[in-house]
Amino acid sequence: MPPIERKKVTKRHEQHPAEALAAPGPAEPAAAPAAPEQPPVAPAPRPASAPVRAAGEEVPPAAEPKVPSSFRLPRTLLDRLDAGAVKIPAILGRRVSKNQLVENALDEYLSRYGL
C-alpha cells in the first residue's frame, strides 16, 4: 500500500510554497520614514479606590457580595412551571406569578428545614 501524500496546510499569513516559487519576489521596499521620537509616557494615576499598599501591610478581607433583591428564573424552569402556574392559582383563588411560586416554594423549604 503506497503512502498517502498530504498537502501542506498553510496559514492565512503564509504564502503557499508553490505560489512562492511561481511569483517573483517583491522588490526591496523603500525604507519608511523614521517616526519622530515620542517622549516616554508617564504611568496612569491610580484611582482613589485602589490605594498603594506597603509590602508588609495586611490586605483587608473582601466585602460580602451583594445579594440581589430580585432574580430572573431560567427559561427551562419557567417552562416547567407553566403547568403549576395554571393549577396553583386556581387552588389559591388568586393570580400568582411564576416567580412568586418559586419564592413561596423556597420559603416553605427553608422553614421546613429550619434554615
C-alpha atoms as a PDB file:
ATOM      1  CA  MET A   1       0.000   0.000   0.000  1.00  0.00           C
ATOM      2  CA  PRO A   2       1.648   3.257  -1.093  1.00  0.00           C
ATOM      3  CA  PRO A   3       1.897   6.099   1.416  1.00  0.00           C
ATOM      4  CA  ILE A   4      -0.716   8.801   1.101  1.00  0.00           C
ATOM      5  CA  GLU A   5       0.630  12.187   0.106  1.00  0.00           C
ATOM      6  CA  ARG A   6      -0.889  15.016   2.052  1.00  0.00           C
ATOM      7  CA  LYS A   7      -0.950  18.629   1.035  1.00  0.00           C
ATOM      8  CA  LYS A   8       0.747  21.092   3.326  1.00  0.00           C
ATOM      9  CA  VAL A   9      -1.817  23.273   5.019  1.00  0.00           C
ATOM     10  CA  THR A  10      -0.736  26.876   5.139  1.00  0.00           C
ATOM     11  CA  LYS A  11      -1.953  29.562   7.438  1.00  0.00           C
ATOM     12  CA  ARG A  12      -3.537  32.686   6.048  1.00  0.00           C
ATOM     13  CA  HIS A  13      -0.483  34.827   6.616  1.00  0.00           C
ATOM     14  CA  GLU A  14       1.859  32.278   4.986  1.00  0.00           C
ATOM     15  CA  GLN A  15       2.346  32.015   1.265  1.00  0.00           C
ATOM     16  CA  HIS A  16       1.955  28.571  -0.275  1.00  0.00           C
ATOM     17  CA  PRO A  17       5.341  27.139  -1.387  1.00  0.00           C
ATOM     18  CA  ALA A  18       4.137  26.642  -4.993  1.00  0.00           C
ATOM     19  CA  GLU A  19       2.998  30.255  -5.191  1.00  0.00           C
ATOM     20  CA  ALA A  20       6.275  31.439  -3.713  1.00  0.00           C
ATOM     21  CA  LEU A  21       8.244  29.692  -6.481  1.00  0.00           C
ATOM     22  CA  ALA A  22       5.945  30.877  -9.296  1.00  0.00           C
ATOM     23  CA  ALA A  23       5.627  34.519  -8.274  1.00  0.00           C
ATOM     24  CA  PRO A  24       8.707  36.723  -8.379  1.00  0.00           C
ATOM     25  CA  GLY A  25       9.670  38.111  -5.006  1.00  0.00           C
ATOM     26  CA  PRO A  26       8.771  41.710  -4.256  1.00  0.00           C
ATOM     27  CA  ALA A  27      11.477  44.282  -4.764  1.00  0.00           C
ATOM     28  CA  GLU A  28      13.075  45.743  -1.678  1.00  0.00           C
ATOM     29  CA  PRO A  29      10.507  48.111  -0.224  1.00  0.00           C
ATOM     30  CA  ALA A  30      11.606  51.691   0.280  1.00  0.00           C
ATOM     31  CA  ALA A  31      12.584  52.398   3.843  1.00  0.00           C
ATOM     32  CA  ALA A  32       9.735  54.019   5.714  1.00  0.00           C
ATOM     33  CA  PRO A  33      10.492  57.467   7.104  1.00  0.00           C
ATOM     34  CA  ALA A  34      11.551  57.219  10.717  1.00  0.00           C
ATOM     35  CA  ALA A  35       8.847  58.201  13.174  1.00  0.00           C
ATOM     36  CA  PRO A  36       9.758  61.139  15.400  1.00  0.00           C
ATOM     37  CA  GLU A  37      10.861  60.203  18.909  1.00  0.00           C
ATOM     38  CA  GLN A  38       7.985  60.318  21.333  1.00  0.00           C
ATOM     39  CA  PRO A  39       8.553  61.238  24.960  1.00  0.00           C
ATOM     40  CA  PRO A  40       8.123  58.384  27.453  1.00  0.00           C
ATOM     41  CA  VAL A  41       4.596  58.021  28.749  1.00  0.00           C
ATOM     42  CA  ALA A  42       4.105  58.513  32.474  1.00  0.00           C
ATOM     43  CA  PRO A  43       2.193  55.746  34.279  1.00  0.00           C
ATOM     44  CA  ALA A  44      -1.504  56.419  34.703  1.00  0.00           C
ATOM     45  CA  PRO A  45      -2.522  57.664  38.154  1.00  0.00           C
ATOM     46  CA  ARG A  46      -4.119  55.054  40.406  1.00  0.00           C
ATOM     47  CA  PRO A  47      -7.793  55.555  41.186  1.00  0.00           C
ATOM     48  CA  ALA A  48      -8.624  56.639  44.716  1.00  0.00           C
ATOM     49  CA  SER A  49     -10.383  53.316  45.335  1.00  0.00           C
ATOM     50  CA  ALA A  50      -7.103  51.416  44.873  1.00  0.00           C
ATOM     51  CA  PRO A  51      -4.586  52.878  47.343  1.00  0.00           C
ATOM     52  CA  VAL A  52      -0.943  51.840  47.193  1.00  0.00           C
ATOM     53  CA  ARG A  53      -0.083  49.313  49.900  1.00  0.00           C
ATOM     54  CA  ALA A  54       3.285  48.708  51.507  1.00  0.00           C
ATOM     55  CA  ALA A  55       4.813  45.248  51.197  1.00  0.00           C
ATOM     56  CA  GLY A  56       4.175  44.280  54.850  1.00  0.00           C
ATOM     57  CA  GLU A  57       0.714  45.826  55.114  1.00  0.00           C
ATOM     58  CA  GLU A  58      -2.230  43.469  55.541  1.00  0.00           C
ATOM     59  CA  VAL A  59      -4.937  43.401  52.910  1.00  0.00           C
ATOM     60  CA  PRO A  60      -8.466  43.825  54.331  1.00  0.00           C
ATOM     61  CA  PRO A  61     -10.880  40.960  53.578  1.00  0.00           C
ATOM     62  CA  ALA A  62     -13.137  41.361  50.573  1.00  0.00           C
ATOM     63  CA  ALA A  63     -16.600  42.755  51.216  1.00  0.00           C
ATOM     64  CA  GLU A  64     -19.540  40.364  51.249  1.00  0.00           C
ATOM     65  CA  PRO A  65     -21.169  40.011  47.819  1.00  0.00           C
ATOM     66  CA  LYS A  66     -24.427  41.859  47.433  1.00  0.00           C
ATOM     67  CA  VAL A  67     -27.497  39.666  47.322  1.00  0.00           C
ATOM     68  CA  PRO A  68     -29.916  40.746  44.605  1.00  0.00           C
ATOM     69  CA  SER A  69     -33.365  41.727  45.794  1.00  0.00           C
ATOM     70  CA  SER A  70     -34.946  40.133  42.732  1.00  0.00           C
ATOM     71  CA  PHE A  71     -33.842  37.432  40.361  1.00  0.00           C
ATOM     72  CA  ARG A  72     -34.763  36.032  36.966  1.00  0.00           C
ATOM     73  CA  LEU A  73     -35.568  32.391  36.524  1.00  0.00           C
ATOM     74  CA  PRO A  74     -34.049  30.387  33.667  1.00  0.00           C
ATOM     75  CA  ARG A  75     -36.349  29.766  30.707  1.00  0.00           C
ATOM     76  CA  THR A  76     -36.294  25.975  31.231  1.00  0.00           C
ATOM     77  CA  LEU A  77     -37.541  26.356  34.793  1.00  0.00           C
ATOM     78  CA  LEU A  78     -40.220  28.812  33.697  1.00  0.00           C
ATOM     79  CA  ASP A  79     -41.387  26.321  31.084  1.00  0.00           C
ATOM     80  CA  ARG A  80     -41.606  23.595  33.733  1.00  0.00           C
ATOM     81  CA  LEU A  81     -43.607  25.911  35.988  1.00  0.00           C
ATOM     82  CA  ASP A  82     -46.271  26.544  33.348  1.00  0.00           C
ATOM     83  CA  ALA A  83     -48.430  23.618  34.489  1.00  0.00           C
ATOM     84  CA  GLY A  84     -48.181  24.700  38.122  1.00  0.00           C
ATOM     85  CA  ALA A  85     -48.866  28.316  37.187  1.00  0.00           C
ATOM     86  CA  VAL A  86     -52.273  27.225  35.939  1.00  0.00           C
ATOM     87  CA  LYS A  87     -53.192  24.822  38.759  1.00  0.00           C
ATOM     88  CA  ILE A  88     -51.855  26.593  41.853  1.00  0.00           C
ATOM     89  CA  PRO A  89     -53.601  29.961  41.319  1.00  0.00           C
ATOM     90  CA  ALA A  90     -56.857  28.061  40.842  1.00  0.00           C
ATOM     91  CA  ILE A  91     -56.297  26.368  44.203  1.00  0.00           C
ATOM     92  CA  LEU A  92     -55.301  29.619  45.924  1.00  0.00           C
ATOM     93  CA  GLY A  93     -58.086  31.575  44.241  1.00  0.00           C
ATOM     94  CA  ARG A  94     -55.796  34.375  43.001  1.00  0.00           C
ATOM     95  CA  ARG A  95     -53.274  35.110  40.283  1.00  0.00           C
ATOM     96  CA  VAL A  96     -49.712  34.105  41.172  1.00  0.00           C
ATOM     97  CA  SER A  97     -46.646  34.775  39.030  1.00  0.00           C
ATOM     98  CA  LYS A  98     -44.064  32.081  38.367  1.00  0.00           C
ATOM     99  CA  ASN A  99     -41.514  33.998  40.417  1.00  0.00           C
ATOM    100  CA  GLN A 100     -43.952  34.078  43.346  1.00  0.00           C
ATOM    101  CA  LEU A 101     -44.432  30.311  43.011  1.00  0.00           C
ATOM    102  CA  VAL A 102     -40.696  29.748  43.298  1.00  0.00           C
ATOM    103  CA  GLU A 103     -40.313  32.228  46.157  1.00  0.00           C
ATOM    104  CA  ASN A 104     -43.150  30.506  48.050  1.00  0.00           C
ATOM    105  CA  ALA A 105     -41.585  27.093  47.429  1.00  0.00           C
ATOM    106  CA  LEU A 106     -38.205  28.346  48.673  1.00  0.00           C
ATOM    107  CA  ASP A 107     -39.791  29.892  51.773  1.00  0.00           C
ATOM    108  CA  GLU A 108     -41.587  26.634  52.554  1.00  0.00           C
ATOM    109  CA  TYR A 109     -38.393  24.614  52.052  1.00  0.00           C
ATOM    110  CA  LEU A 110     -36.357  26.935  54.274  1.00  0.00           C
ATOM    111  CA  SER A 111     -38.981  26.946  57.020  1.00  0.00           C
ATOM    112  CA  ARG A 112     -39.375  23.155  56.857  1.00  0.00           C
ATOM    113  CA  TYR A 113     -35.661  22.559  57.434  1.00  0.00           C
ATOM    114  CA  GLY A 114     -35.189  25.490  59.798  1.00  0.00           C
ATOM    115  CA  LEU A 115     -32.738  27.335  57.599  1.00  0.00           C
END
